Amino acid sequence: MTEITWAGLRQHLVDRYDELRHHLTRRLGSDDLARETLHETYLRLNRSDTPGTVESPGAYLFRTALNIAIDTQRKENRRIRRSEVRTILEVADESPLQDRQVEANLDVERLQKVIKELPWRRRAILIAARMKETPHQEIAERFGISKRMVQFELKAAMEFCRERLENI
């Protein structure tokens, strides 16, 4: 074990570049990736502190380069996934959204017509309970009926609307 400097490791990388590239190429499956990784490794060795004791500079450099390659591939995989998502979102067809909006508008129009067919008290109870979210007790007091009768009228109104909408 010997004390080594970053400059010493950089020099070792330069001296053994072809050997390290060969081993990385075999491990990574790409000569281009091995070259890029070794260049990134060289840049990361440009530090002012000391690396401490390094038992085998060649093994240290190989492991460092391999870790850099793995990190690079992980970042690239994440970037690809994000770009694929962006592409999908950008390509999304707006016509289904427009079609759904038109259909929703037609549904609302149909429901309004059906609600107008209800007797006035049932219609008022339905609107108060479902659209204005008025508590049943308050509706009962307003119409001078029991809370149970409000529930009955509301159920009858909902069933009427459902049946009419299914038949339209």
N, C-alpha and C. Protein backbone atom coordinates (compact mmCIF):
# COMPACT_ATOMS: atom_id res chain seq x y z
N MET A 1 0.84 -1.17 0.00
CA MET A 1 0.00 0.00 0.00
C MET A 1 0.89 1.24 0.00
N THR A 2 0.54 2.14 -0.88
CA THR A 2 1.33 3.37 -0.97
C THR A 2 0.40 4.56 -0.99
N GLU A 3 0.91 5.64 -0.48
CA GLU A 3 0.20 6.91 -0.51
C GLU A 3 0.29 7.44 -1.93
N ILE A 4 -0.81 7.87 -2.49
CA ILE A 4 -0.81 8.32 -3.88
C ILE A 4 -1.57 9.64 -3.96
N THR A 5 -1.27 10.43 -4.96
CA THR A 5 -1.95 11.70 -5.16
C THR A 5 -2.91 11.57 -6.33
N TRP A 6 -3.79 12.56 -6.44
CA TRP A 6 -4.70 12.57 -7.58
C TRP A 6 -3.93 12.70 -8.89
N ALA A 7 -2.87 13.49 -8.85
CA ALA A 7 -2.05 13.63 -10.06
C ALA A 7 -1.43 12.28 -10.43
N GLY A 8 -1.03 11.52 -9.42
CA GLY A 8 -0.47 10.19 -9.67
C GLY A 8 -1.51 9.26 -10.28
N LEU A 9 -2.75 9.34 -9.80
CA LEU A 9 -3.81 8.52 -10.37
C LEU A 9 -4.13 8.95 -11.81
N ARG A 10 -4.12 10.26 -12.07
CA ARG A 10 -4.35 10.73 -13.44
C ARG A 10 -3.26 10.20 -14.36
N GLN A 11 -2.02 10.24 -13.89
CA GLN A 11 -0.91 9.74 -14.70
C GLN A 11 -1.04 8.24 -14.94
N HIS A 12 -1.45 7.52 -13.92
CA HIS A 12 -1.65 6.08 -14.06
C HIS A 12 -2.74 5.80 -15.10
N LEU A 13 -3.80 6.61 -15.10
CA LEU A 13 -4.87 6.45 -16.09
C LEU A 13 -4.33 6.69 -17.49
N VAL A 14 -3.50 7.73 -17.66
CA VAL A 14 -2.92 8.02 -18.97
C VAL A 14 -2.02 6.88 -19.41
N ASP A 15 -1.17 6.40 -18.50
CA ASP A 15 -0.23 5.34 -18.84
C ASP A 15 -0.95 4.03 -19.19
N ARG A 16 -2.05 3.73 -18.53
CA ARG A 16 -2.76 2.46 -18.73
C ARG A 16 -4.10 2.64 -19.44
N TYR A 17 -4.22 3.71 -20.17
CA TYR A 17 -5.49 4.05 -20.81
C TYR A 17 -6.01 2.90 -21.69
N ASP A 18 -5.17 2.39 -22.57
CA ASP A 18 -5.62 1.34 -23.49
C ASP A 18 -6.07 0.09 -22.75
N GLU A 19 -5.33 -0.27 -21.72
CA GLU A 19 -5.69 -1.46 -20.92
C GLU A 19 -7.03 -1.25 -20.21
N LEU A 20 -7.18 -0.09 -19.57
CA LEU A 20 -8.43 0.21 -18.87
C LEU A 20 -9.61 0.28 -19.86
N ARG A 21 -9.40 0.91 -21.02
CA ARG A 21 -10.44 1.00 -22.03
C ARG A 21 -10.88 -0.39 -22.49
N HIS A 22 -9.90 -1.27 -22.69
CA HIS A 22 -10.20 -2.64 -23.13
C HIS A 22 -11.08 -3.36 -22.09
N HIS A 23 -10.70 -3.29 -20.82
CA HIS A 23 -11.48 -3.95 -19.76
C HIS A 23 -12.88 -3.33 -19.62
N LEU A 24 -12.95 -2.01 -19.71
CA LEU A 24 -14.25 -1.36 -19.61
C LEU A 24 -15.14 -1.69 -20.81
N THR A 25 -14.54 -1.75 -21.99
CA THR A 25 -15.31 -2.09 -23.19
C THR A 25 -15.93 -3.47 -23.04
N ARG A 26 -15.16 -4.42 -22.55
CA ARG A 26 -15.68 -5.77 -22.34
C ARG A 26 -16.80 -5.77 -21.30
N ARG A 27 -16.61 -5.01 -20.26
CA ARG A 27 -17.60 -4.97 -19.17
C ARG A 27 -18.87 -4.22 -19.56
N LEU A 28 -18.71 -3.10 -20.28
CA LEU A 28 -19.85 -2.25 -20.62
C LEU A 28 -20.48 -2.59 -21.96
N GLY A 29 -19.73 -3.28 -22.81
CA GLY A 29 -20.25 -3.65 -24.11
C GLY A 29 -20.20 -2.55 -25.15
N SER A 30 -19.47 -1.46 -24.87
CA SER A 30 -19.40 -0.35 -25.81
C SER A 30 -18.07 0.37 -25.66
N ASP A 31 -17.34 0.44 -26.77
CA ASP A 31 -16.06 1.14 -26.75
C ASP A 31 -16.28 2.64 -26.54
N ASP A 32 -17.32 3.18 -27.17
CA ASP A 32 -17.61 4.61 -27.00
C ASP A 32 -17.92 4.95 -25.54
N LEU A 33 -18.73 4.11 -24.91
CA LEU A 33 -19.06 4.34 -23.51
C LEU A 33 -17.83 4.23 -22.63
N ALA A 34 -16.95 3.27 -22.94
CA ALA A 34 -15.72 3.11 -22.17
C ALA A 34 -14.84 4.35 -22.31
N ARG A 35 -14.70 4.89 -23.52
CA ARG A 35 -13.90 6.09 -23.74
C ARG A 35 -14.48 7.29 -22.99
N GLU A 36 -15.80 7.49 -23.13
CA GLU A 36 -16.44 8.61 -22.44
C GLU A 36 -16.27 8.49 -20.93
N THR A 37 -16.41 7.28 -20.43
CA THR A 37 -16.28 7.05 -18.99
C THR A 37 -14.87 7.35 -18.51
N LEU A 38 -13.87 6.93 -19.27
CA LEU A 38 -12.49 7.20 -18.86
C LEU A 38 -12.19 8.71 -18.91
N HIS A 39 -12.75 9.40 -19.87
CA HIS A 39 -12.56 10.86 -19.92
C HIS A 39 -13.21 11.52 -18.70
N GLU A 40 -14.41 11.07 -18.34
CA GLU A 40 -15.09 11.60 -17.16
C GLU A 40 -14.30 11.26 -15.89
N THR A 41 -13.74 10.07 -15.85
CA THR A 41 -12.91 9.67 -14.70
C THR A 41 -11.71 10.59 -14.57
N TYR A 42 -11.05 10.86 -15.68
CA TYR A 42 -9.88 11.75 -15.66
C TYR A 42 -10.26 13.12 -15.11
N LEU A 43 -11.41 13.63 -15.55
CA LEU A 43 -11.86 14.94 -15.07
C LEU A 43 -12.16 14.93 -13.57
N ARG A 44 -12.72 13.86 -13.10
CA ARG A 44 -13.06 13.77 -11.68
C ARG A 44 -11.83 13.58 -10.80
N LEU A 45 -10.71 13.18 -11.41
CA LEU A 45 -9.47 13.03 -10.63
C LEU A 45 -8.75 14.36 -10.46
N ASN A 46 -9.28 15.42 -10.99
CA ASN A 46 -8.68 16.74 -10.87
C ASN A 46 -9.18 17.39 -9.58
N ARG A 47 -8.59 16.97 -8.46
CA ARG A 47 -9.02 17.42 -7.14
C ARG A 47 -7.82 17.93 -6.37
N SER A 48 -8.08 18.67 -5.32
CA SER A 48 -6.97 19.24 -4.55
C SER A 48 -6.66 18.47 -3.27
N ASP A 49 -7.59 17.66 -2.77
CA ASP A 49 -7.32 16.89 -1.56
C ASP A 49 -6.50 15.65 -1.91
N THR A 50 -6.33 14.76 -0.98
CA THR A 50 -5.56 13.55 -1.26
C THR A 50 -6.47 12.33 -1.21
N PRO A 51 -6.25 11.36 -2.11
CA PRO A 51 -7.09 10.18 -2.11
C PRO A 51 -6.78 9.23 -0.97
N GLY A 52 -5.67 9.44 -0.31
CA GLY A 52 -5.29 8.54 0.79
C GLY A 52 -4.52 7.36 0.26
N THR A 53 -4.62 6.24 0.94
CA THR A 53 -3.90 5.04 0.57
C THR A 53 -4.69 4.25 -0.46
N VAL A 54 -4.03 3.94 -1.57
CA VAL A 54 -4.65 3.16 -2.63
C VAL A 54 -3.79 1.94 -2.84
N GLU A 55 -4.37 0.78 -2.62
CA GLU A 55 -3.62 -0.47 -2.73
C GLU A 55 -3.27 -0.80 -4.17
N SER A 56 -4.22 -0.63 -5.06
CA SER A 56 -4.00 -0.96 -6.46
C SER A 56 -4.59 0.17 -7.31
N PRO A 57 -3.76 1.07 -7.82
CA PRO A 57 -4.28 2.19 -8.61
C PRO A 57 -5.09 1.74 -9.83
N GLY A 58 -4.68 0.67 -10.51
CA GLY A 58 -5.41 0.18 -11.67
C GLY A 58 -6.81 -0.27 -11.30
N ALA A 59 -6.93 -1.04 -10.22
CA ALA A 59 -8.23 -1.52 -9.76
C ALA A 59 -9.09 -0.35 -9.28
N TYR A 60 -8.47 0.62 -8.61
CA TYR A 60 -9.16 1.80 -8.12
C TYR A 60 -9.75 2.58 -9.30
N LEU A 61 -8.94 2.80 -10.33
CA LEU A 61 -9.40 3.54 -11.50
C LEU A 61 -10.51 2.79 -12.25
N PHE A 62 -10.35 1.47 -12.38
CA PHE A 62 -11.36 0.66 -13.07
C PHE A 62 -12.69 0.74 -12.33
N ARG A 63 -12.65 0.59 -11.02
CA ARG A 63 -13.88 0.63 -10.21
C ARG A 63 -14.52 2.01 -10.27
N THR A 64 -13.70 3.05 -10.21
CA THR A 64 -14.20 4.42 -10.30
C THR A 64 -14.89 4.64 -11.65
N ALA A 65 -14.23 4.22 -12.72
CA ALA A 65 -14.79 4.38 -14.06
C ALA A 65 -16.08 3.58 -14.20
N LEU A 66 -16.11 2.38 -13.67
CA LEU A 66 -17.30 1.54 -13.75
C LEU A 66 -18.47 2.19 -13.00
N ASN A 67 -18.20 2.75 -11.83
CA ASN A 67 -19.25 3.44 -11.07
C ASN A 67 -19.77 4.66 -11.83
N ILE A 68 -18.86 5.38 -12.48
CA ILE A 68 -19.28 6.54 -13.29
C ILE A 68 -20.16 6.08 -14.44
N ALA A 69 -19.79 5.00 -15.09
CA ALA A 69 -20.59 4.47 -16.21
C ALA A 69 -21.98 4.05 -15.74
N ILE A 70 -22.04 3.38 -14.61
CA ILE A 70 -23.33 2.93 -14.08
C ILE A 70 -24.21 4.13 -13.74
N ASP A 71 -23.62 5.15 -13.09
CA ASP A 71 -24.38 6.36 -12.77
C ASP A 71 -24.88 7.05 -14.04
N THR A 72 -24.03 7.12 -15.05
CA THR A 72 -24.40 7.75 -16.32
C THR A 72 -25.56 7.00 -16.97
N GLN A 73 -25.48 5.68 -16.98
CA GLN A 73 -26.55 4.89 -17.59
C GLN A 73 -27.87 5.06 -16.82
N ARG A 74 -27.80 5.11 -15.50
CA ARG A 74 -29.03 5.31 -14.71
C ARG A 74 -29.66 6.67 -15.02
N LYS A 75 -28.82 7.70 -15.09
CA LYS A 75 -29.34 9.04 -15.42
C LYS A 75 -29.96 9.05 -16.80
N GLU A 76 -29.30 8.40 -17.74
CA GLU A 76 -29.79 8.35 -19.11
C GLU A 76 -31.12 7.60 -19.19
N ASN A 77 -31.25 6.52 -18.44
CA ASN A 77 -32.51 5.76 -18.43
C ASN A 77 -33.64 6.61 -17.86
N ARG A 78 -33.35 7.37 -16.79
CA ARG A 78 -34.37 8.25 -16.22
C ARG A 78 -34.74 9.34 -17.22
N ARG A 79 -33.75 9.89 -17.89
CA ARG A 79 -33.99 10.96 -18.85
C ARG A 79 -34.83 10.45 -20.01
N ILE A 80 -34.57 9.24 -20.45
CA ILE A 80 -35.34 8.66 -21.55
C ILE A 80 -36.78 8.48 -21.12
N ARG A 81 -37.00 7.97 -19.94
CA ARG A 81 -38.36 7.76 -19.48
C ARG A 81 -39.11 9.08 -19.40
N ARG A 82 -38.47 10.13 -18.87
CA ARG A 82 -39.11 11.43 -18.77
C ARG A 82 -39.43 11.99 -20.14
N SER A 83 -38.48 11.84 -21.08
CA SER A 83 -38.72 12.38 -22.42
C SER A 83 -39.84 11.60 -23.11
N GLU A 84 -39.92 10.29 -22.87
CA GLU A 84 -41.00 9.51 -23.45
C GLU A 84 -42.34 9.98 -22.92
N VAL A 85 -42.39 10.28 -21.63
CA VAL A 85 -43.63 10.78 -21.04
C VAL A 85 -43.99 12.12 -21.64
N ARG A 86 -43.01 13.01 -21.78
CA ARG A 86 -43.27 14.32 -22.39
C ARG A 86 -43.81 14.14 -23.81
N THR A 87 -43.19 13.25 -24.56
CA THR A 87 -43.63 13.01 -25.94
C THR A 87 -45.06 12.51 -25.96
N ILE A 88 -45.38 11.59 -25.10
CA ILE A 88 -46.74 11.06 -25.05
C ILE A 88 -47.73 12.16 -24.69
N LEU A 89 -47.37 12.99 -23.73
CA LEU A 89 -48.27 14.07 -23.33
C LEU A 89 -48.44 15.10 -24.44
N GLU A 90 -47.39 15.38 -25.17
CA GLU A 90 -47.46 16.36 -26.24
C GLU A 90 -48.26 15.84 -27.42
N VAL A 91 -48.21 14.53 -27.66
CA VAL A 91 -48.87 13.94 -28.81
C VAL A 91 -50.32 13.61 -28.52
N ALA A 92 -50.71 13.69 -27.28
CA ALA A 92 -52.07 13.31 -26.91
C ALA A 92 -53.09 14.01 -27.80
N ASP A 93 -54.00 13.24 -28.32
CA ASP A 93 -55.01 13.76 -29.24
C ASP A 93 -56.05 14.53 -28.44
N GLU A 94 -56.29 15.75 -28.86
CA GLU A 94 -57.24 16.59 -28.14
C GLU A 94 -58.68 16.29 -28.53
N SER A 95 -58.91 15.64 -29.65
CA SER A 95 -60.28 15.40 -30.09
C SER A 95 -61.08 14.54 -29.10
N PRO A 96 -60.50 13.50 -28.48
CA PRO A 96 -61.30 12.77 -27.49
C PRO A 96 -61.72 13.67 -26.33
N LEU A 97 -60.85 14.60 -25.93
CA LEU A 97 -61.19 15.52 -24.85
C LEU A 97 -62.35 16.41 -25.30
N GLN A 98 -62.28 16.90 -26.52
CA GLN A 98 -63.36 17.73 -27.05
C GLN A 98 -64.65 16.92 -27.17
N ASP A 99 -64.53 15.68 -27.64
CA ASP A 99 -65.70 14.81 -27.75
C ASP A 99 -66.34 14.58 -26.39
N ARG A 100 -65.51 14.33 -25.39
CA ARG A 100 -66.04 14.12 -24.04
C ARG A 100 -66.71 15.37 -23.51
N GLN A 101 -66.15 16.53 -23.82
CA GLN A 101 -66.74 17.78 -23.37
C GLN A 101 -68.11 17.99 -24.01
N VAL A 102 -68.20 17.73 -25.29
CA VAL A 102 -69.48 17.86 -26.00
C VAL A 102 -70.49 16.89 -25.42
N GLU A 103 -70.06 15.65 -25.20
CA GLU A 103 -70.95 14.64 -24.64
C GLU A 103 -71.41 15.03 -23.24
N ALA A 104 -70.49 15.56 -22.44
CA ALA A 104 -70.85 15.99 -21.08
C ALA A 104 -71.87 17.13 -21.14
N ASN A 105 -71.67 18.05 -22.06
CA ASN A 105 -72.63 19.15 -22.21
C ASN A 105 -74.01 18.63 -22.60
N LEU A 106 -74.05 17.65 -23.49
CA LEU A 106 -75.33 17.05 -23.89
C LEU A 106 -75.99 16.34 -22.71
N ASP A 107 -75.18 15.65 -21.89
CA ASP A 107 -75.71 14.98 -20.70
C ASP A 107 -76.33 15.98 -19.74
N VAL A 108 -75.66 17.11 -19.55
CA VAL A 108 -76.18 18.15 -18.66
C VAL A 108 -77.50 18.68 -19.21
N GLU A 109 -77.57 18.93 -20.50
CA GLU A 109 -78.81 19.42 -21.12
C GLU A 109 -79.94 18.40 -20.94
N ARG A 110 -79.65 17.13 -21.14
CA ARG A 110 -80.66 16.08 -20.96
C ARG A 110 -81.16 16.05 -19.52
N LEU A 111 -80.21 16.14 -18.58
CA LEU A 111 -80.58 16.11 -17.16
C LEU A 111 -81.44 17.32 -16.81
N GLN A 112 -81.11 18.48 -17.32
CA GLN A 112 -81.92 19.67 -17.04
C GLN A 112 -83.36 19.49 -17.54
N LYS A 113 -83.51 18.90 -18.73
CA LYS A 113 -84.86 18.66 -19.28
C LYS A 113 -85.63 17.69 -18.39
N VAL A 114 -84.94 16.63 -17.94
CA VAL A 114 -85.60 15.64 -17.10
C VAL A 114 -85.99 16.25 -15.76
N ILE A 115 -85.13 17.04 -15.18
CA ILE A 115 -85.43 17.68 -13.89
C ILE A 115 -86.65 18.59 -14.01
N LYS A 116 -86.80 19.26 -15.15
CA LYS A 116 -87.96 20.14 -15.35
C LYS A 116 -89.27 19.35 -15.41
N GLU A 117 -89.19 18.06 -15.69
CA GLU A 117 -90.38 17.22 -15.74
C GLU A 117 -90.87 16.82 -14.35
N LEU A 118 -90.02 16.98 -13.33
CA LEU A 118 -90.38 16.60 -11.96
C LEU A 118 -91.44 17.55 -11.40
N PRO A 119 -92.28 17.06 -10.48
CA PRO A 119 -93.19 17.97 -9.77
C PRO A 119 -92.37 19.02 -9.02
N TRP A 120 -92.93 20.20 -8.82
CA TRP A 120 -92.15 21.33 -8.29
C TRP A 120 -91.47 21.03 -6.96
N ARG A 121 -92.16 20.36 -6.00
CA ARG A 121 -91.54 20.10 -4.69
C ARG A 121 -90.39 19.11 -4.82
N ARG A 122 -90.59 18.05 -5.58
CA ARG A 122 -89.55 17.05 -5.78
C ARG A 122 -88.33 17.70 -6.44
N ARG A 123 -88.59 18.53 -7.45
CA ARG A 123 -87.52 19.23 -8.15
C ARG A 123 -86.76 20.14 -7.18
N ALA A 124 -87.45 20.88 -6.35
CA ALA A 124 -86.82 21.79 -5.40
C ALA A 124 -85.99 21.02 -4.37
N ILE A 125 -86.50 19.88 -3.91
CA ILE A 125 -85.77 19.05 -2.94
C ILE A 125 -84.51 18.48 -3.60
N LEU A 126 -84.63 18.00 -4.82
CA LEU A 126 -83.46 17.45 -5.54
C LEU A 126 -82.39 18.52 -5.71
N ILE A 127 -82.77 19.68 -6.15
CA ILE A 127 -81.81 20.77 -6.38
C ILE A 127 -81.17 21.19 -5.06
N ALA A 128 -81.98 21.31 -4.03
CA ALA A 128 -81.43 21.73 -2.73
C ALA A 128 -80.45 20.70 -2.18
N ALA A 129 -80.83 19.43 -2.25
CA ALA A 129 -80.00 18.38 -1.65
C ALA A 129 -78.76 18.06 -2.47
N ARG A 130 -78.92 17.93 -3.79
CA ARG A 130 -77.80 17.46 -4.62
C ARG A 130 -76.95 18.58 -5.20
N MET A 131 -77.56 19.69 -5.55
CA MET A 131 -76.78 20.74 -6.20
C MET A 131 -76.31 21.80 -5.21
N LYS A 132 -77.14 22.11 -4.24
CA LYS A 132 -76.77 23.14 -3.26
C LYS A 132 -76.25 22.53 -1.96
N GLU A 133 -76.32 21.19 -1.87
CA GLU A 133 -75.84 20.43 -0.71
C GLU A 133 -76.43 20.92 0.61
N THR A 134 -77.71 21.23 0.56
CA THR A 134 -78.43 21.66 1.75
C THR A 134 -78.71 20.43 2.62
N PRO A 135 -78.48 20.52 3.93
CA PRO A 135 -78.77 19.38 4.81
C PRO A 135 -80.26 19.00 4.75
N HIS A 136 -80.54 17.72 4.90
CA HIS A 136 -81.92 17.21 4.80
C HIS A 136 -82.82 17.84 5.86
N GLN A 137 -82.30 18.07 7.05
CA GLN A 137 -83.12 18.66 8.12
C GLN A 137 -83.58 20.07 7.73
N GLU A 138 -82.68 20.83 7.12
CA GLU A 138 -83.02 22.19 6.69
C GLU A 138 -84.08 22.16 5.59
N ILE A 139 -83.97 21.21 4.66
CA ILE A 139 -84.96 21.06 3.59
C ILE A 139 -86.31 20.71 4.19
N ALA A 140 -86.30 19.79 5.16
CA ALA A 140 -87.55 19.37 5.81
C ALA A 140 -88.23 20.56 6.47
N GLU A 141 -87.48 21.39 7.16
CA GLU A 141 -88.05 22.56 7.81
C GLU A 141 -88.59 23.55 6.79
N ARG A 142 -87.87 23.72 5.68
CA ARG A 142 -88.29 24.66 4.64
C ARG A 142 -89.64 24.26 4.04
N PHE A 143 -89.87 22.95 3.83
CA PHE A 143 -91.10 22.49 3.20
C PHE A 143 -92.15 22.02 4.21
N GLY A 144 -91.82 22.05 5.49
CA GLY A 144 -92.77 21.63 6.51
C GLY A 144 -93.07 20.15 6.45
N ILE A 145 -92.06 19.35 6.14
CA ILE A 145 -92.21 17.90 6.07
C ILE A 145 -91.15 17.26 6.94
N SER A 146 -91.25 15.95 7.12
CA SER A 146 -90.26 15.24 7.94
C SER A 146 -88.98 14.99 7.14
N LYS A 147 -87.94 14.73 7.89
CA LYS A 147 -86.66 14.39 7.25
C LYS A 147 -86.80 13.10 6.44
N ARG A 148 -87.61 12.19 6.94
CA ARG A 148 -87.87 10.92 6.24
C ARG A 148 -88.57 11.18 4.90
N MET A 149 -89.49 12.14 4.88
CA MET A 149 -90.20 12.48 3.64
C MET A 149 -89.23 13.12 2.64
N VAL A 150 -88.26 13.91 3.13
CA VAL A 150 -87.24 14.49 2.25
C VAL A 150 -86.46 13.35 1.59
N GLN A 151 -86.07 12.36 2.37
CA GLN A 151 -85.33 11.23 1.83
C GLN A 151 -86.16 10.46 0.80
N PHE A 152 -87.46 10.29 1.08
CA PHE A 152 -88.36 9.60 0.15
C PHE A 152 -88.47 10.39 -1.16
N GLU A 153 -88.70 11.70 -1.07
CA GLU A 153 -88.84 12.55 -2.26
C GLU A 153 -87.53 12.57 -3.08
N LEU A 154 -86.43 12.62 -2.37
CA LEU A 154 -85.12 12.64 -3.03
C LEU A 154 -84.88 11.32 -3.77
N LYS A 155 -85.22 10.22 -3.11
CA LYS A 155 -85.04 8.91 -3.75
C LYS A 155 -85.94 8.78 -4.97
N ALA A 156 -87.15 9.23 -4.84
CA ALA A 156 -88.09 9.16 -5.97
C ALA A 156 -87.60 10.03 -7.13
N ALA A 157 -87.08 11.21 -6.82
CA ALA A 157 -86.57 12.11 -7.86
C ALA A 157 -85.38 11.49 -8.58
N MET A 158 -84.50 10.88 -7.82
CA MET A 158 -83.30 10.26 -8.40
C MET A 158 -83.69 9.08 -9.29
N GLU A 159 -84.63 8.27 -8.84
CA GLU A 159 -85.08 7.12 -9.65
C GLU A 159 -85.74 7.60 -10.93
N PHE A 160 -86.57 8.64 -10.83
CA PHE A 160 -87.24 9.19 -12.00
C PHE A 160 -86.20 9.67 -13.01
N CYS A 161 -85.21 10.42 -12.56
CA CYS A 161 -84.17 10.95 -13.44
C CYS A 161 -83.38 9.81 -14.10
N ARG A 162 -83.03 8.82 -13.31
CA ARG A 162 -82.28 7.68 -13.85
C ARG A 162 -83.07 6.97 -14.93
N GLU A 163 -84.31 6.67 -14.66
CA GLU A 163 -85.15 5.98 -15.64
C GLU A 163 -85.33 6.78 -16.91
N ARG A 164 -85.60 8.08 -16.77
CA ARG A 164 -85.81 8.95 -17.94
C ARG A 164 -84.55 9.07 -18.75
N LEU A 165 -83.39 9.21 -18.07
CA LEU A 165 -82.12 9.34 -18.81
C LEU A 165 -81.75 8.05 -19.54
N GLU A 166 -82.12 6.91 -18.99
CA GLU A 166 -81.85 5.64 -19.66
C GLU A 166 -82.71 5.49 -20.91
N ASN A 167 -83.89 6.09 -20.91
CA ASN A 167 -84.82 5.95 -22.03
C ASN A 167 -84.64 7.02 -23.10
N ILE A 168 -83.80 7.99 -22.86
CA ILE A 168 -83.60 9.06 -23.85
C ILE A 168 -82.60 8.61 -24.88
